[in-house]
Amino acid sequence: MISPGDEALVRDHMVYSCVMGSRAFGLATDGSDTDRRGVFLAPTPLFWRFDKPPTHVEGPADEQFSWELERFCELALRANPNVLECLHSPLVERIDATGRELLSLRGAFLSRQAHQTFVRYAMGQRRKLEADVRQYGAPRWKHAMHLLRLLASCRDLLRTGELTIDVGAAREELLEVKRGEVAWPEVERRMARLAGENDEAAAASPLPEQPDRARVEDFLVRARQASALAAGPAGKAG
């Protein structure tokens, strides 16, 4: 159960929220859920207490998950796939001035680190799929589809320096995998091909070796300072 305080953080201090999952990827079908992700800025006075505000909150709506701004930035600087993709959702539901500045920093988070984090995550998912094949005779096809999507997205990021999460013309090909219409050995072949293409793209990527941590930290400090000033001399954190 989400606590009243955590719910208030999401309700009153959200700076950016978007729709993710299949709807953002261009893979939605009639039965698709609506996955919502967001970023909230906990009032600075809350950090002056022994009990700190949460780094993330699940809920209050179904399929809703939000990160506190600092945690979100930390994960994005590490090229966490789920977090980076949130910054590039085409389906923005709520945004304020702080959220707009966060989106303006999208390029500062991108680096060649994505090669390792995206591919490592994908390979971890592949091992789970292989375990399903051994145990049940077939993988979870939806997960197989998203693994292919993630590898293709990372390859294109490394090639172009820009992250695009809508699958575009690859939609039907990916949905065929989700429906189990592509044999597992062929899915494995596509995974291996995409992993190789990621390796090749990383070697000549226009992305910098490291993200622009100083630029992101400057943004975070200014957001914390503005929050403290808004709270006033009494340090009201509501």
Protein backbone atom coordinates (compact mmCIF):
# COMPACT_ATOMS: atom_id res chain seq x y z
CA MET A 1 0.00 0.00 0.00
CA ILE A 2 1.26 3.47 -0.87
CA SER A 3 1.45 5.77 2.15
CA PRO A 4 -0.42 9.11 2.22
CA GLY A 5 2.91 10.94 2.25
CA ASP A 6 4.20 9.08 -0.78
CA GLU A 7 0.94 9.63 -2.62
CA ALA A 8 1.20 13.36 -1.89
CA LEU A 9 4.72 13.43 -3.35
CA VAL A 10 3.45 11.94 -6.59
CA ARG A 11 0.31 14.06 -6.67
CA ASP A 12 1.76 17.42 -5.64
CA HIS A 13 5.41 17.35 -6.70
CA MET A 14 5.46 15.56 -10.06
CA VAL A 15 7.64 17.41 -12.55
CA TYR A 16 7.31 14.97 -15.44
CA SER A 17 5.10 12.00 -16.23
CA CYS A 18 4.64 9.99 -19.38
CA VAL A 19 3.18 6.79 -20.79
CA MET A 20 5.66 4.00 -21.44
CA GLY A 21 5.47 0.37 -22.49
CA SER A 22 3.85 -0.83 -25.68
CA ARG A 23 1.89 2.38 -26.18
CA ALA A 24 5.06 4.48 -26.28
CA PHE A 25 6.92 1.91 -28.37
CA GLY A 26 4.25 1.82 -31.07
CA LEU A 27 3.43 -1.80 -30.22
CA ALA A 28 0.06 -1.39 -28.51
CA THR A 29 -2.75 -3.78 -29.28
CA ASP A 30 -6.33 -3.94 -28.01
CA GLY A 31 -5.31 -5.58 -24.73
CA SER A 32 -2.30 -3.42 -23.93
CA ASP A 33 -1.96 -1.87 -20.47
CA THR A 34 -1.17 1.79 -19.95
CA ASP A 35 2.15 1.99 -18.11
CA ARG A 36 2.83 5.35 -16.50
CA ARG A 37 6.24 6.56 -15.34
CA GLY A 38 7.10 9.83 -13.64
CA VAL A 39 9.65 11.97 -11.85
CA PHE A 40 8.85 13.92 -8.68
CA LEU A 41 10.94 16.53 -6.89
CA ALA A 42 10.74 15.93 -3.15
CA PRO A 43 10.73 19.26 -1.27
CA THR A 44 14.27 20.03 -0.11
CA PRO A 45 13.35 20.39 3.62
CA LEU A 46 12.38 16.70 3.66
CA PHE A 47 16.07 15.86 3.27
CA TRP A 48 16.94 17.73 6.47
CA ARG A 49 15.24 15.05 8.56
CA PHE A 50 16.58 11.67 9.69
CA ASP A 51 13.89 9.94 7.65
CA LYS A 52 14.56 10.84 4.01
CA PRO A 53 11.92 10.91 1.27
CA PRO A 54 11.61 7.77 -0.87
CA THR A 55 13.79 7.29 -3.95
CA HIS A 56 10.78 5.92 -5.80
CA VAL A 57 7.06 5.39 -5.37
CA GLU A 58 4.90 2.67 -6.86
CA GLY A 59 1.34 3.83 -7.46
CA PRO A 60 -1.11 5.22 -6.58
CA ALA A 61 -2.62 4.32 -9.96
CA ASP A 62 -2.29 0.86 -11.47
CA GLU A 63 0.87 0.41 -13.57
CA GLN A 64 2.30 3.69 -12.22
CA PHE A 65 5.91 4.08 -11.00
CA SER A 66 7.77 7.30 -10.21
CA TRP A 67 11.32 8.19 -9.23
CA GLU A 68 12.57 11.07 -7.10
CA LEU A 69 14.53 13.43 -9.32
CA GLU A 70 17.97 12.65 -7.90
CA ARG A 71 17.50 8.89 -8.19
CA PHE A 72 16.18 9.29 -11.72
CA CYS A 73 19.22 11.33 -12.73
CA GLU A 74 21.60 8.82 -11.13
CA LEU A 75 20.06 5.95 -13.08
CA ALA A 76 19.98 7.92 -16.32
CA LEU A 77 23.68 8.81 -15.95
CA ARG A 78 24.36 5.07 -15.64
CA ALA A 79 22.48 4.56 -18.94
CA ASN A 80 19.71 2.54 -17.32
CA PRO A 81 17.54 1.51 -20.30
CA ASN A 82 14.16 1.94 -18.61
CA VAL A 83 15.02 5.40 -17.32
CA LEU A 84 16.61 6.70 -20.51
CA GLU A 85 13.58 5.57 -22.50
CA CYS A 86 11.30 7.57 -20.17
CA LEU A 87 13.08 10.74 -21.26
CA HIS A 88 12.17 9.99 -24.86
CA SER A 89 8.53 8.95 -24.57
CA PRO A 90 6.34 10.56 -27.23
CA LEU A 91 3.40 10.42 -24.79
CA VAL A 92 3.96 13.13 -22.17
CA GLU A 93 1.03 13.54 -19.76
CA ARG A 94 2.32 16.13 -17.29
CA ILE A 95 5.29 18.47 -17.23
CA ASP A 96 6.33 21.68 -15.48
CA ALA A 97 9.33 24.00 -15.85
CA THR A 98 11.64 21.62 -14.00
CA GLY A 99 10.45 18.75 -16.14
CA ARG A 100 11.04 20.73 -19.31
CA GLU A 101 14.60 21.44 -18.23
CA LEU A 102 15.06 17.75 -17.46
CA LEU A 103 13.97 16.89 -21.00
CA SER A 104 16.30 19.54 -22.40
CA LEU A 105 19.14 17.57 -20.78
CA ARG A 106 18.38 14.33 -22.61
CA GLY A 107 21.58 14.55 -24.59
CA ALA A 108 23.66 15.04 -21.41
CA PHE A 109 22.66 11.57 -20.20
CA LEU A 110 23.62 9.76 -23.39
CA SER A 111 26.99 8.07 -23.78
CA ARG A 112 28.61 4.92 -25.08
CA GLN A 113 27.83 3.36 -21.71
CA ALA A 114 24.47 2.49 -23.26
CA HIS A 115 26.23 -0.24 -25.22
CA GLN A 116 27.07 -2.12 -22.04
CA THR A 117 23.91 -1.45 -20.05
CA PHE A 118 21.39 -2.10 -22.82
CA VAL A 119 23.11 -5.21 -24.14
CA ARG A 120 23.84 -6.56 -20.66
CA TYR A 121 20.18 -6.13 -19.71
CA ALA A 122 19.09 -7.78 -22.96
CA MET A 123 21.41 -10.73 -22.43
CA GLY A 124 20.07 -11.20 -18.93
CA GLN A 125 16.57 -11.33 -20.36
CA ARG A 126 17.74 -13.78 -23.01
CA ARG A 127 19.00 -16.19 -20.34
CA LYS A 128 15.56 -16.09 -18.73
CA LEU A 129 13.93 -16.83 -22.09
CA GLU A 130 16.29 -19.74 -22.69
CA ALA A 131 15.38 -21.12 -19.28
CA ASP A 132 11.70 -20.94 -20.22
CA VAL A 133 12.40 -22.81 -23.45
CA ARG A 134 14.19 -25.56 -21.55
CA GLN A 135 11.46 -25.82 -18.94
CA TYR A 136 8.30 -25.16 -20.91
CA GLY A 137 9.30 -25.63 -24.54
CA ALA A 138 8.70 -22.00 -25.47
CA PRO A 139 9.76 -18.54 -24.26
CA ARG A 140 7.52 -15.77 -23.05
CA TRP A 141 6.98 -14.33 -26.49
CA LYS A 142 6.12 -10.81 -25.31
CA HIS A 143 9.45 -10.63 -23.50
CA ALA A 144 11.23 -11.93 -26.59
CA MET A 145 9.64 -9.17 -28.65
CA HIS A 146 10.77 -6.47 -26.24
CA LEU A 147 14.29 -7.89 -26.12
CA LEU A 148 14.56 -7.53 -29.90
CA ARG A 149 13.10 -4.03 -29.70
CA LEU A 150 15.61 -3.00 -27.04
CA LEU A 151 18.60 -4.30 -29.00
CA ALA A 152 17.47 -2.52 -32.17
CA SER A 153 16.87 0.71 -30.23
CA CYS A 154 20.35 0.61 -28.71
CA ARG A 155 21.96 -0.15 -32.07
CA ASP A 156 20.28 2.89 -33.61
CA LEU A 157 21.25 5.04 -30.62
CA LEU A 158 24.89 4.04 -31.01
CA ARG A 159 24.79 4.67 -34.74
CA THR A 160 23.04 8.05 -34.69
CA GLY A 161 23.58 9.46 -31.20
CA GLU A 162 19.81 9.79 -30.76
CA LEU A 163 17.42 7.53 -28.86
CA THR A 164 14.13 6.79 -30.62
CA ILE A 165 11.80 4.39 -28.85
CA ASP A 166 8.94 4.09 -31.37
CA VAL A 167 9.62 0.98 -33.45
CA GLY A 168 8.13 2.48 -36.61
CA ALA A 169 8.21 0.13 -39.59
CA ALA A 170 9.39 -2.79 -37.43
CA ARG A 171 6.00 -2.96 -35.65
CA GLU A 172 4.47 -5.90 -37.52
CA GLU A 173 7.69 -7.93 -37.50
CA LEU A 174 7.90 -7.53 -33.73
CA LEU A 175 4.23 -8.31 -33.18
CA GLU A 176 4.71 -11.55 -35.11
CA VAL A 177 7.27 -12.53 -32.48
CA LYS A 178 4.86 -11.56 -29.68
CA ARG A 179 2.18 -13.80 -31.22
CA GLY A 180 4.60 -16.75 -31.36
CA GLU A 181 4.58 -16.83 -35.15
CA VAL A 182 8.38 -16.80 -35.41
CA ALA A 183 10.27 -19.96 -34.49
CA TRP A 184 12.54 -19.66 -31.46
CA PRO A 185 15.73 -20.52 -33.41
CA GLU A 186 14.97 -17.62 -35.77
CA VAL A 187 14.39 -15.31 -32.80
CA GLU A 188 17.76 -16.41 -31.40
CA ARG A 189 19.39 -15.68 -34.74
CA ARG A 190 17.93 -12.16 -34.75
CA MET A 191 19.12 -11.58 -31.19
CA ALA A 192 22.66 -12.63 -32.07
CA ARG A 193 22.65 -10.45 -35.20
CA LEU A 194 21.46 -7.41 -33.30
CA ALA A 195 24.02 -7.96 -30.53
CA GLY A 196 26.76 -8.04 -33.17
CA GLU A 197 25.42 -4.88 -34.80
CA ASN A 198 25.51 -3.18 -31.40
CA ASP A 199 29.18 -4.11 -31.00
CA GLU A 200 29.99 -2.71 -34.44
CA ALA A 201 28.03 0.48 -33.84
CA ALA A 202 29.71 1.09 -30.48
CA ALA A 203 33.15 1.13 -32.08
CA ALA A 204 32.27 4.10 -34.30
CA SER A 205 29.52 5.78 -32.25
CA PRO A 206 29.24 9.58 -32.24
CA LEU A 207 28.27 9.39 -28.56
CA PRO A 208 30.79 10.55 -25.94
CA GLU A 209 32.51 8.00 -23.73
CA GLN A 210 30.85 9.40 -20.60
CA PRO A 211 27.67 11.41 -19.91
CA ASP A 212 27.84 15.07 -18.92
CA ARG A 213 27.58 14.52 -15.17
CA ALA A 214 28.53 18.11 -14.27
CA ARG A 215 25.72 19.56 -16.36
CA VAL A 216 23.16 17.24 -14.78
CA GLU A 217 24.46 17.93 -11.27
CA ASP A 218 24.16 21.69 -11.85
CA PHE A 219 20.51 21.19 -12.81
CA LEU A 220 19.85 19.05 -9.72
CA VAL A 221 21.47 21.55 -7.34
CA ARG A 222 19.47 24.43 -8.79
CA ALA A 223 16.24 22.41 -8.49
CA ARG A 224 17.01 21.67 -4.83
CA GLN A 225 17.84 25.33 -4.14
CA ALA A 226 14.63 26.53 -5.77
CA SER A 227 12.64 24.05 -3.70
CA ALA A 228 14.27 25.25 -0.49
CA LEU A 229 13.53 28.89 -1.36
CA ALA A 230 9.92 28.03 -2.14
CA ALA A 231 9.57 26.42 1.29
CA GLY A 232 10.48 29.72 2.96
CA PRO A 233 12.44 30.35 6.17
CA ALA A 234 10.26 27.95 8.15
CA GLY A 235 11.27 25.10 5.89
CA LYS A 236 7.71 24.03 5.17
CA ALA A 237 7.86 20.78 3.17
CA GLY A 238 4.24 20.34 2.21
